[in-house]
C-alpha cells in the first residue's frame, strides 16, 4: 500500500482546503512531525556518553535533518501562498 492510499483522506482534506500542492506539503509536514516525535522518544533512551542529558549524536543528526526538512517545506508552502495571493491581486487589477 502506498502513502497515497494510506493517507488518502488526509490528502483529500488538505488538498480541498489548501490546493493540491500545499495540501500534500501539509500532510508531509504531519508525517515529518510524527517521525520527529518517534525519534525524540528514542532519544530519551539513547543518551550520549559525551554529552549527558542529550540524545546520542546520530539521533541529534536525524532530529536536525527532520527539522530542516520541515523548515524547507514550510518555506515552500509560504511561497506558494504568496504566489497565489499575488496572482489573485493581479487578476483584480
N, C-alpha and C. Protein backbone atom coordinates (compact mmCIF):
# COMPACT_ATOMS: atom_id res chain seq x y z
N UNK A 1 0.85 -1.18 0.00
CA UNK A 1 0.00 0.00 0.00
C UNK A 1 0.89 1.25 0.00
N UNK A 2 0.58 2.21 -0.84
CA UNK A 2 1.39 3.42 -0.94
C UNK A 2 0.93 4.46 0.08
N UNK A 3 1.75 5.47 0.26
CA UNK A 3 1.40 6.56 1.17
C UNK A 3 0.13 7.26 0.69
N UNK A 4 -0.07 7.30 -0.63
CA UNK A 4 -1.27 7.94 -1.17
C UNK A 4 -2.53 7.16 -0.80
N UNK A 5 -2.40 5.83 -0.70
CA UNK A 5 -3.53 5.01 -0.26
C UNK A 5 -3.74 5.13 1.24
N UNK A 6 -2.64 5.05 2.00
CA UNK A 6 -2.72 5.08 3.46
C UNK A 6 -3.25 6.41 3.99
N UNK A 7 -2.91 7.48 3.33
CA UNK A 7 -3.27 8.83 3.82
C UNK A 7 -4.26 9.54 2.89
N UNK A 8 -5.04 8.75 2.16
CA UNK A 8 -5.96 9.30 1.17
C UNK A 8 -6.89 10.36 1.75
N UNK A 9 -7.51 10.07 2.88
CA UNK A 9 -8.45 11.02 3.48
C UNK A 9 -7.76 12.32 3.88
N UNK A 10 -6.60 12.20 4.51
CA UNK A 10 -5.84 13.40 4.90
C UNK A 10 -5.46 14.22 3.68
N UNK A 11 -4.95 13.54 2.65
CA UNK A 11 -4.53 14.24 1.43
C UNK A 11 -5.71 14.96 0.78
N UNK A 12 -6.85 14.29 0.70
CA UNK A 12 -8.03 14.91 0.09
C UNK A 12 -8.51 16.11 0.89
N UNK A 13 -8.53 15.96 2.22
CA UNK A 13 -9.00 17.05 3.09
C UNK A 13 -8.11 18.28 2.94
N UNK A 14 -6.80 18.07 3.02
CA UNK A 14 -5.88 19.20 2.92
C UNK A 14 -5.84 19.78 1.51
N UNK A 15 -5.96 18.94 0.49
CA UNK A 15 -5.99 19.44 -0.88
C UNK A 15 -7.23 20.31 -1.10
N UNK A 16 -8.34 19.92 -0.52
CA UNK A 16 -9.57 20.71 -0.63
C UNK A 16 -9.39 22.07 0.04
N UNK A 17 -8.76 22.09 1.22
CA UNK A 17 -8.61 23.33 1.99
C UNK A 17 -7.54 24.25 1.41
N UNK A 18 -6.44 23.67 0.89
CA UNK A 18 -5.27 24.48 0.53
C UNK A 18 -4.86 24.39 -0.93
N UNK A 19 -5.47 23.53 -1.68
CA UNK A 19 -5.00 23.23 -3.02
C UNK A 19 -4.12 21.99 -2.95
N UNK A 20 -3.95 21.34 -4.10
CA UNK A 20 -3.25 20.05 -4.10
C UNK A 20 -1.81 20.15 -3.60
N UNK A 21 -1.03 21.08 -4.15
CA UNK A 21 0.39 21.16 -3.78
C UNK A 21 0.57 21.49 -2.30
N UNK A 22 -0.08 22.55 -1.84
CA UNK A 22 0.06 22.94 -0.43
C UNK A 22 -0.54 21.90 0.49
N UNK A 23 -1.63 21.26 0.06
CA UNK A 23 -2.25 20.21 0.87
C UNK A 23 -1.33 19.02 1.05
N UNK A 24 -0.69 18.61 -0.03
CA UNK A 24 0.24 17.48 0.07
C UNK A 24 1.45 17.86 0.93
N UNK A 25 1.91 19.09 0.81
CA UNK A 25 3.02 19.53 1.66
C UNK A 25 2.61 19.56 3.13
N UNK A 26 1.37 19.96 3.40
CA UNK A 26 0.88 19.98 4.79
C UNK A 26 0.87 18.57 5.37
N UNK A 27 0.42 17.60 4.58
CA UNK A 27 0.43 16.21 5.06
C UNK A 27 1.87 15.74 5.26
N UNK A 28 2.76 16.16 4.38
CA UNK A 28 4.18 15.82 4.52
C UNK A 28 4.73 16.36 5.83
N UNK A 29 4.34 17.58 6.19
CA UNK A 29 4.77 18.15 7.49
C UNK A 29 4.24 17.30 8.64
N UNK A 30 3.01 16.83 8.52
CA UNK A 30 2.45 15.97 9.57
C UNK A 30 3.26 14.67 9.70
N UNK A 31 3.64 14.10 8.57
CA UNK A 31 4.43 12.86 8.58
C UNK A 31 5.79 13.11 9.23
N UNK A 32 6.42 14.23 8.87
CA UNK A 32 7.71 14.58 9.47
C UNK A 32 7.57 14.82 10.97
N UNK A 33 6.49 15.46 11.37
CA UNK A 33 6.26 15.70 12.80
C UNK A 33 6.11 14.38 13.55
N UNK A 34 5.38 13.43 12.95
CA UNK A 34 5.25 12.10 13.57
C UNK A 34 6.62 11.45 13.72
N UNK A 35 7.46 11.56 12.68
CA UNK A 35 8.80 10.98 12.73
C UNK A 35 9.64 11.66 13.82
N UNK A 36 9.51 12.99 13.94
CA UNK A 36 10.24 13.71 14.99
C UNK A 36 9.85 13.24 16.38
N UNK A 37 8.58 13.01 16.58
CA UNK A 37 8.10 12.53 17.88
C UNK A 37 8.72 11.17 18.20
N UNK A 38 8.69 10.26 17.22
CA UNK A 38 9.24 8.93 17.44
C UNK A 38 10.74 8.97 17.70
N UNK A 39 11.46 9.76 16.92
CA UNK A 39 12.91 9.87 17.12
C UNK A 39 13.20 10.54 18.46
N UNK A 40 12.40 11.53 18.81
CA UNK A 40 12.57 12.20 20.10
C UNK A 40 12.38 11.25 21.27
N UNK A 41 11.38 10.38 21.16
CA UNK A 41 11.16 9.38 22.21
C UNK A 41 12.35 8.43 22.29
N UNK A 42 12.85 8.04 21.14
CA UNK A 42 14.01 7.15 21.12
C UNK A 42 15.23 7.85 21.74
N UNK A 43 15.36 9.16 21.48
CA UNK A 43 16.48 9.92 22.03
C UNK A 43 16.49 9.98 23.54
N UNK A 44 15.33 9.83 24.16
CA UNK A 44 15.26 9.81 25.63
C UNK A 44 16.01 8.60 26.18
N UNK A 45 15.93 7.50 25.46
CA UNK A 45 16.55 6.26 25.93
C UNK A 45 17.97 6.06 25.42
N UNK A 46 18.33 6.73 24.34
CA UNK A 46 19.69 6.61 23.78
C UNK A 46 20.45 7.90 24.07
N UNK A 47 20.99 7.98 25.25
CA UNK A 47 21.70 9.19 25.66
C UNK A 47 23.15 9.16 25.20
N UNK A 48 23.68 10.34 24.95
CA UNK A 48 25.06 10.49 24.54
C UNK A 48 26.00 10.26 25.72
N UNK A 49 27.06 9.51 25.50
CA UNK A 49 28.04 9.29 26.55
C UNK A 49 28.88 10.56 26.76
N UNK A 50 29.10 11.31 25.69
CA UNK A 50 29.93 12.53 25.76
C UNK A 50 29.16 13.74 26.25
N UNK A 51 27.86 13.77 25.97
CA UNK A 51 27.04 14.91 26.35
C UNK A 51 25.85 14.42 27.17
N UNK A 52 26.04 14.23 28.47
CA UNK A 52 24.94 13.73 29.31
C UNK A 52 23.71 14.64 29.19
N UNK A 53 22.55 14.01 29.14
CA UNK A 53 21.31 14.76 29.02
C UNK A 53 20.90 15.05 27.60
N UNK A 54 21.74 14.72 26.63
CA UNK A 54 21.43 14.91 25.22
C UNK A 54 21.33 13.55 24.54
N UNK A 55 20.53 13.50 23.46
CA UNK A 55 20.45 12.23 22.73
C UNK A 55 21.79 11.88 22.09
N UNK A 56 21.94 10.63 21.72
CA UNK A 56 23.15 10.18 21.02
C UNK A 56 23.32 11.02 19.76
N UNK A 57 24.56 11.13 19.29
CA UNK A 57 24.87 12.00 18.16
C UNK A 57 24.06 11.66 16.91
N UNK A 58 23.87 10.37 16.62
CA UNK A 58 23.10 10.02 15.42
C UNK A 58 21.65 10.49 15.55
N UNK A 59 21.10 10.42 16.75
CA UNK A 59 19.73 10.90 16.98
C UNK A 59 19.68 12.41 16.80
N UNK A 60 20.69 13.12 17.30
CA UNK A 60 20.75 14.57 17.12
C UNK A 60 20.78 14.95 15.64
N UNK A 61 21.55 14.21 14.86
CA UNK A 61 21.66 14.48 13.42
C UNK A 61 20.33 14.22 12.72
N UNK A 62 19.67 13.13 13.09
CA UNK A 62 18.36 12.81 12.49
C UNK A 62 17.35 13.89 12.86
N UNK A 63 17.32 14.32 14.11
CA UNK A 63 16.40 15.36 14.53
C UNK A 63 16.64 16.66 13.77
N UNK A 64 17.91 17.02 13.61
CA UNK A 64 18.22 18.25 12.86
C UNK A 64 17.77 18.13 11.41
N UNK A 65 18.02 17.00 10.80
CA UNK A 65 17.62 16.81 9.40
C UNK A 65 16.10 16.89 9.24
N UNK A 66 15.37 16.27 10.14
CA UNK A 66 13.91 16.32 10.07
C UNK A 66 13.39 17.75 10.29
N UNK A 67 13.98 18.45 11.25
CA UNK A 67 13.58 19.84 11.49
C UNK A 67 13.91 20.72 10.30
N UNK A 68 15.08 20.50 9.69
CA UNK A 68 15.46 21.27 8.50
C UNK A 68 14.48 21.01 7.35
N UNK A 69 14.09 19.75 7.17
CA UNK A 69 13.14 19.40 6.12
C UNK A 69 11.80 20.10 6.36
N UNK A 70 11.35 20.12 7.61
CA UNK A 70 10.11 20.81 7.93
C UNK A 70 10.20 22.30 7.62
N UNK A 71 11.33 22.90 7.95
CA UNK A 71 11.51 24.33 7.69
C UNK A 71 11.49 24.62 6.18
N UNK A 72 12.15 23.78 5.40
CA UNK A 72 12.16 23.96 3.95
C UNK A 72 10.75 23.82 3.37
N UNK A 73 10.01 22.82 3.82
CA UNK A 73 8.65 22.61 3.33
C UNK A 73 7.76 23.79 3.72
N UNK A 74 7.91 24.28 4.93
CA UNK A 74 7.13 25.44 5.37
C UNK A 74 7.43 26.65 4.49
N UNK A 75 8.68 26.82 4.12
CA UNK A 75 9.06 27.92 3.23
C UNK A 75 8.42 27.79 1.86
N UNK A 76 8.38 26.58 1.33
CA UNK A 76 7.74 26.35 0.03
C UNK A 76 6.24 26.64 0.13
N UNK A 77 5.62 26.20 1.21
CA UNK A 77 4.18 26.45 1.39
C UNK A 77 3.90 27.96 1.46
N UNK A 78 4.73 28.70 2.16
CA UNK A 78 4.55 30.14 2.27
C UNK A 78 4.74 30.81 0.90
N UNK A 79 5.72 30.35 0.14
CA UNK A 79 5.95 30.91 -1.20
C UNK A 79 4.79 30.61 -2.13
N UNK A 80 4.25 29.39 -2.07
CA UNK A 80 3.09 29.04 -2.88
C UNK A 80 1.89 29.92 -2.52
N UNK A 81 1.72 30.19 -1.24
CA UNK A 81 0.62 31.04 -0.80
C UNK A 81 0.80 32.46 -1.31
N UNK A 82 2.04 32.99 -1.21
CA UNK A 82 2.31 34.35 -1.70
C UNK A 82 2.06 34.43 -3.21
N UNK A 83 2.50 33.41 -3.94
CA UNK A 83 2.31 33.39 -5.38
C UNK A 83 0.83 33.40 -5.73
N UNK A 84 0.05 32.60 -5.00
CA UNK A 84 -1.39 32.54 -5.24
C UNK A 84 -2.05 33.89 -4.92
N UNK A 85 -1.65 34.50 -3.82
CA UNK A 85 -2.22 35.79 -3.44
C UNK A 85 -1.85 36.87 -4.45
N UNK A 86 -0.60 36.87 -4.92
CA UNK A 86 -0.18 37.86 -5.92
C UNK A 86 -0.93 37.66 -7.23
N UNK A 87 -1.14 36.41 -7.61
CA UNK A 87 -1.89 36.15 -8.84
C UNK A 87 -3.33 36.65 -8.71
N UNK A 88 -3.92 36.48 -7.54
CA UNK A 88 -5.28 36.95 -7.32
C UNK A 88 -5.35 38.46 -7.38
N UNK A 89 -4.35 39.15 -6.81
CA UNK A 89 -4.31 40.61 -6.85
C UNK A 89 -4.12 41.10 -8.29
N UNK A 90 -3.29 40.41 -9.06
CA UNK A 90 -3.04 40.83 -10.45
C UNK A 90 -4.28 40.67 -11.31
N UNK A 91 -5.10 39.69 -11.04
CA UNK A 91 -6.31 39.49 -11.83
C UNK A 91 -7.38 40.51 -11.47
N UNK A 92 -7.33 41.04 -10.25
CA UNK A 92 -8.29 42.06 -9.84
C UNK A 92 -7.95 43.42 -10.43
N UNK A 93 -6.70 43.65 -10.73
CA UNK A 93 -6.26 44.96 -11.22
C UNK A 93 -6.63 45.23 -12.65
